[in-house]
Protein backbone atom coordinates (compact mmCIF):
# COMPACT_ATOMS: atom_id res chain seq x y z
CA MET A 1 54.46 -46.32 60.66
CA MET A 2 51.38 -48.38 59.89
CA ASN A 3 51.30 -50.48 56.55
CA LEU A 4 48.17 -48.77 54.68
CA ASP A 5 48.04 -51.81 52.31
CA LEU A 6 46.31 -54.56 54.61
CA ARG A 7 46.43 -57.91 53.07
CA ILE A 8 45.22 -61.23 54.76
CA SER A 9 47.44 -64.41 54.39
CA ASP A 10 45.87 -67.74 53.72
CA LYS A 11 46.45 -68.78 57.19
CA GLU A 12 44.82 -65.60 58.66
CA PHE A 13 41.79 -66.04 56.28
CA ILE A 14 41.30 -69.42 57.55
CA LEU A 15 41.41 -68.29 61.15
CA MET A 16 39.12 -65.55 60.46
CA ARG A 17 36.46 -67.75 58.39
CA ASN A 18 36.47 -70.11 60.91
CA LEU A 19 35.78 -67.65 63.83
CA ILE A 20 33.10 -66.20 61.78
CA TYR A 21 31.44 -69.64 60.75
CA ASN A 22 31.60 -70.97 64.42
CA THR A 23 30.11 -67.66 65.75
CA PHE A 24 27.61 -66.44 63.48
CA GLY A 25 27.21 -69.41 61.03
CA ILE A 26 28.25 -67.28 57.99
CA ASN A 27 30.13 -69.39 55.55
CA LEU A 28 32.89 -67.47 53.53
CA SER A 29 34.20 -69.18 50.53
CA ASP A 30 37.63 -69.09 49.24
CA ASP A 31 36.48 -66.54 46.54
CA LYS A 32 35.42 -64.12 49.41
CA LYS A 33 38.85 -63.77 50.80
CA SER A 34 39.09 -60.13 49.72
CA LEU A 35 35.98 -59.38 51.65
CA ILE A 36 37.70 -59.51 54.85
CA PRO A 37 40.08 -56.64 54.26
CA GLY A 38 37.60 -54.67 52.20
CA ARG A 39 35.03 -54.54 55.16
CA LEU A 40 37.74 -54.43 57.93
CA GLN A 41 40.51 -52.16 56.88
CA GLY A 42 38.88 -49.02 58.54
CA LEU A 43 38.71 -50.80 61.85
CA MET A 44 42.09 -52.14 61.63
CA ARG A 45 43.52 -48.79 61.09
CA LYS A 46 41.41 -47.44 63.66
CA LEU A 47 42.91 -50.20 66.15
CA GLU A 48 46.55 -49.96 64.86
CA PHE A 49 46.77 -53.45 63.90
CA GLU A 50 49.07 -54.46 61.21
CA THR A 51 47.96 -57.99 60.79
CA PHE A 52 44.71 -59.81 60.91
CA HIS A 53 46.36 -62.31 63.36
CA GLU A 54 46.79 -59.22 65.75
CA TYR A 55 42.97 -58.48 65.08
CA TYR A 56 42.05 -62.33 65.63
CA ASP A 57 43.84 -62.22 68.80
CA TYR A 58 42.30 -59.06 69.64
CA ILE A 59 38.97 -60.61 69.21
CA THR A 60 39.48 -63.87 70.96
CA ALA A 61 40.71 -62.13 73.77
CA ASP A 62 37.77 -59.74 74.47
CA LYS A 63 35.66 -61.03 77.22
CA THR A 64 33.03 -58.27 76.68
CA GLY A 65 31.65 -59.72 73.42
CA ASN A 66 31.90 -55.99 71.86
CA ALA A 67 34.77 -56.96 69.44
CA LEU A 68 32.49 -59.91 68.01
CA ILE A 69 29.76 -57.51 67.71
CA GLU A 70 31.90 -55.00 65.78
CA LEU A 71 32.96 -57.58 63.59
CA VAL A 72 29.70 -58.78 62.57
CA ASN A 73 28.33 -55.40 61.85
CA LEU A 74 31.01 -55.07 59.29
CA ILE A 75 30.92 -58.48 57.82
CA SER A 76 27.12 -58.97 57.60
CA THR A 77 25.30 -57.49 54.42
CA ASN A 78 22.29 -55.46 55.04
CA HIS A 79 20.60 -54.27 51.88
CA THR A 80 16.74 -54.12 52.09
CA PHE A 81 13.86 -52.00 50.97
CA PHE A 82 10.03 -51.91 51.70
CA TYR A 83 7.82 -54.53 49.92
CA ARG A 84 11.19 -56.35 48.87
CA GLU A 85 9.78 -59.84 47.33
CA LYS A 86 6.13 -58.15 47.54
CA ASP A 87 4.27 -61.66 46.57
CA HIS A 88 5.28 -62.51 50.33
CA PHE A 89 3.58 -59.51 51.97
CA GLU A 90 0.63 -60.05 49.63
CA TYR A 91 0.25 -63.66 50.66
CA PHE A 92 0.87 -62.81 54.42
CA GLN A 93 -2.15 -60.28 54.29
CA SER A 94 -4.62 -62.11 52.20
CA ILE A 95 -4.20 -65.66 53.14
CA ALA A 96 -1.68 -66.58 55.82
CA LEU A 97 -2.96 -63.79 58.39
CA PRO A 98 -6.58 -64.44 58.28
CA GLU A 99 -5.94 -68.19 58.32
CA MET A 100 -3.93 -67.83 61.60
CA ILE A 101 -6.54 -65.42 63.02
CA LYS A 102 -9.43 -67.89 62.32
CA GLN A 103 -7.21 -70.73 63.93
CA ILE A 104 -6.42 -68.76 66.84
CA GLU A 105 -10.05 -67.65 67.52
CA THR A 106 -11.10 -71.26 68.16
CA THR A 107 -8.88 -71.22 71.16
CA ASN A 108 -10.08 -68.12 72.77
CA VAL A 109 -6.68 -66.80 73.55
CA ARG A 110 -6.48 -63.74 71.16
CA ASP A 111 -2.56 -64.11 70.97
CA LEU A 112 -1.03 -63.84 67.48
CA ARG A 113 2.92 -64.24 67.42
CA VAL A 114 4.92 -63.36 64.56
CA TRP A 115 8.76 -63.34 64.55
CA CYS A 116 10.81 -61.49 61.96
CA ALA A 117 14.30 -63.00 62.20
CA GLY A 118 17.29 -61.28 60.42
CA CYS A 119 15.13 -58.00 60.27
CA SER A 120 18.11 -55.82 59.23
CA THR A 121 17.18 -52.11 59.18
CA GLY A 122 13.61 -52.55 60.10
CA GLU A 123 11.75 -52.42 56.69
CA GLU A 124 10.31 -55.96 56.80
CA SER A 125 9.23 -55.68 60.35
CA TYR A 126 7.55 -52.42 60.00
CA LEU A 127 5.51 -53.43 56.86
CA LEU A 128 4.60 -56.71 58.47
CA MET A 129 3.12 -54.73 61.65
CA MET A 130 1.12 -52.40 59.23
CA LEU A 131 -0.36 -55.20 57.35
CA ILE A 132 -1.21 -56.80 60.73
CA LYS A 133 -2.92 -53.53 61.42
CA GLU A 134 -4.91 -53.43 58.16
CA VAL A 135 -6.14 -56.89 58.50
CA PHE A 136 -7.29 -56.61 62.03
CA GLY A 137 -8.77 -52.91 61.78
CA ASN A 138 -10.89 -52.07 64.99
CA ARG A 139 -10.37 -55.74 66.31
CA TYR A 140 -6.80 -55.12 67.09
CA THR A 141 -7.13 -53.95 70.57
CA GLY A 142 -8.68 -57.08 71.57
CA TRP A 143 -5.48 -58.95 70.62
CA ASP A 144 -2.10 -59.42 71.78
CA ALA A 145 -0.65 -59.12 68.36
CA GLY A 146 2.75 -57.65 68.47
CA LEU A 147 5.93 -58.27 66.78
CA LEU A 148 9.36 -59.59 67.69
CA ALA A 149 12.07 -58.49 65.26
CA THR A 150 15.63 -59.68 65.59
CA ASP A 151 19.01 -59.12 64.00
CA ILE A 152 22.60 -59.96 65.08
CA SER A 153 23.83 -56.68 64.18
CA GLU A 154 23.19 -53.94 67.09
CA LYS A 155 23.95 -51.35 64.15
CA VAL A 156 20.89 -52.15 61.85
CA LEU A 157 18.85 -52.59 65.00
CA MET A 158 19.68 -48.77 65.82
CA ILE A 159 18.49 -47.83 62.41
CA ALA A 160 15.37 -50.10 62.63
CA ARG A 161 14.39 -48.62 66.04
CA ALA A 162 14.61 -45.18 64.70
CA GLY A 163 12.24 -45.91 61.92
CA ILE A 164 13.47 -43.31 59.73
CA TYR A 165 13.96 -44.18 55.99
CA SER A 166 14.67 -42.29 52.50
CA GLU A 167 12.54 -41.85 49.88
CA ASP A 168 13.99 -44.42 47.52
CA ARG A 169 13.75 -47.11 50.22
CA MET A 170 9.75 -46.21 49.99
CA GLU A 171 9.38 -46.49 46.29
CA LEU A 172 7.26 -49.85 46.09
CA LEU A 173 5.03 -49.03 49.12
CA PRO A 174 1.36 -48.46 48.19
CA PRO A 175 0.57 -44.80 48.63
CA PHE A 176 -2.26 -45.57 51.43
CA ILE A 177 0.28 -47.62 53.45
CA LYS A 178 2.88 -44.57 53.07
CA HIS A 179 0.44 -41.86 53.97
CA LYS A 180 -1.27 -43.82 56.63
CA TYR A 181 1.81 -45.26 58.73
CA PHE A 182 4.44 -42.68 58.05
CA LYS A 183 5.26 -39.00 58.86
CA LYS A 184 7.04 -36.68 56.26
CA LEU A 185 9.99 -35.14 57.87
CA LYS A 186 11.59 -31.80 56.83
CA SER A 187 14.67 -33.60 55.66
CA GLY A 188 12.45 -35.38 53.20
CA GLN A 189 12.86 -38.74 54.83
CA TRP A 190 10.02 -40.54 56.18
CA GLU A 191 9.47 -41.83 59.87
CA VAL A 192 7.10 -44.71 60.93
CA ILE A 193 4.47 -43.38 63.27
CA ASP A 194 4.67 -44.27 66.90
CA GLU A 195 1.42 -46.48 66.68
CA ILE A 196 3.41 -48.90 64.87
CA LYS A 197 6.81 -48.41 66.48
CA ARG A 198 5.51 -49.34 69.99
CA GLU A 199 4.05 -52.72 68.76
CA ILE A 200 7.58 -54.21 67.65
CA ILE A 201 9.99 -55.50 69.82
CA TYR A 202 13.67 -55.19 68.68
CA ARG A 203 16.36 -57.30 70.16
CA ARG A 204 19.69 -58.56 69.24
CA PHE A 205 19.84 -62.20 68.64
CA ASN A 206 22.25 -64.79 67.19
CA LEU A 207 20.39 -67.51 65.27
CA MET A 208 23.36 -69.62 65.81
CA ASN A 209 22.33 -70.18 69.55
CA LYS A 210 21.70 -73.67 70.36
CA ASP A 211 19.02 -72.87 72.66
CA PHE A 212 16.23 -70.08 71.63
CA PRO A 213 14.91 -68.41 74.51
CA PHE A 214 11.13 -68.21 73.41
CA LYS A 215 8.39 -69.50 75.82
CA LYS A 216 5.76 -69.88 73.16
CA LYS A 217 5.62 -70.84 69.66
CA PHE A 218 5.20 -68.35 66.71
CA HIS A 219 2.43 -68.62 64.19
CA VAL A 220 4.49 -66.83 61.46
CA ILE A 221 8.37 -66.70 61.26
CA PHE A 222 9.94 -64.42 58.42
CA CYS A 223 13.44 -65.28 57.92
CA ARG A 224 14.34 -64.07 54.35
CA ASN A 225 17.81 -63.79 52.69
CA VAL A 226 19.62 -64.85 55.65
CA MET A 227 20.34 -68.58 55.12
CA ILE A 228 22.28 -67.75 51.81
CA TYR A 229 25.15 -67.05 53.97
CA PHE A 230 25.14 -70.36 55.50
CA ASP A 231 26.16 -74.01 54.50
CA GLN A 232 23.90 -76.70 54.22
CA LYS A 233 24.35 -78.31 57.72
CA THR A 234 23.78 -74.78 59.14
CA ARG A 235 20.77 -74.37 57.36
CA ASP A 236 19.30 -77.69 58.23
CA ASP A 237 20.00 -76.98 61.96
CA LEU A 238 18.35 -73.66 61.96
CA VAL A 239 15.35 -74.88 59.84
CA ASN A 240 14.85 -77.67 62.58
CA ARG A 241 15.02 -74.99 65.44
CA PHE A 242 12.25 -72.84 63.22
CA ALA A 243 10.21 -75.87 63.33
CA GLU A 244 10.56 -76.46 66.89
CA PHE A 245 9.39 -72.89 67.96
CA LEU A 246 6.63 -72.95 65.12
CA GLU A 247 2.82 -73.89 65.76
CA ASP A 248 1.49 -76.67 63.62
CA ASP A 249 0.36 -75.27 60.39
CA GLY A 250 2.26 -72.22 61.14
CA TYR A 251 4.05 -70.32 58.21
CA LEU A 252 7.78 -70.14 57.36
CA PHE A 253 8.90 -67.34 54.63
CA ILE A 254 12.29 -67.49 53.33
CA GLY A 255 14.08 -65.51 50.60
CA HIS A 256 13.30 -66.43 47.07
CA SER A 257 16.98 -67.38 46.46
CA GLU A 258 16.92 -70.04 49.09
CA THR A 259 15.27 -73.52 49.44
CA LEU A 260 14.80 -75.82 52.28
CA GLY A 261 15.09 -79.12 50.14
CA ARG A 262 13.07 -81.75 49.31
CA GLU A 263 14.00 -83.97 52.18
CA GLN A 264 12.83 -81.62 54.81
CA ILE A 265 10.54 -83.44 56.94
CA HIS A 266 9.01 -80.58 58.99
CA PHE A 267 7.50 -78.44 56.15
CA LYS A 268 5.48 -78.73 53.19
CA TYR A 269 6.00 -76.53 50.31
CA ILE A 270 3.32 -73.90 49.56
CA LYS A 271 5.01 -71.89 46.84
CA PRO A 272 8.14 -70.42 46.06
CA ALA A 273 10.17 -69.51 49.44
CA LEU A 274 6.92 -70.30 51.27
CA TYR A 275 6.43 -73.44 53.78
CA LYS A 276 3.91 -74.44 56.15
CA LYS A 277 4.79 -76.55 59.34
CA VAL A 278 3.48 -80.04 59.29
CA LYS A 279 1.58 -81.50 62.14
CA GLY A 280 3.86 -84.68 63.50
CA GLY A 281 6.62 -83.53 61.44
CA ASN A 282 6.08 -85.58 58.38
CA VAL A 283 4.81 -84.82 55.08
């Protein structure tokens, strides 16, 4: 009979921690040892594994990658809501976006590129798209101005694509946004309208990939409350890749509990958790 009291040894924790760090960049400190059995015990029982070493061997032997996807779905934390850290959205709408539009208009390309990295269940990406629509107004049809939203977890991407949210997730939304871009369902939930849904591409993407597949640079990148799980080297490497794929004078929004550090050469500080790409890479 299977042992229902799943414990993880120090050796097993090191194995799992290294696997998670090397694959996803998530850095689990020693005080997070209890997190692994807490998050994975249901799956372990389902798979009938009695030790984490058995589970580790199962993951590393899986050639499909599905076991790794299942692991990150359970390990990663995805808590968000509309208008979280609202000053970012206000700045995006009133300053960053109009500035980028004006800059792009000098090139006659009419191509605005925004990336929401670590989009979780979709609240951030949908709100950004709504604000883009608000700023453009009737001019939007003359632009290629959709939005790319990525996350490592397929589980949260399924929720994002559905675009259905409970009332409590909507509390901070301005009423005119809520009633313009959502429809109320019989269940009491709210669904994002199709006009917004079709402007966003949701894709599974691991930010630890050494090579980013993008053909063009972005004007704005939102990557908020993702790097808090990374150690300093992983954060620095990721920020360097963001700089590589961000247009000069483009904006990088990060979480308020995150910082790029004073030694960062690619970005200049604008305000808390907001940076601007520097031409030539030096401030």
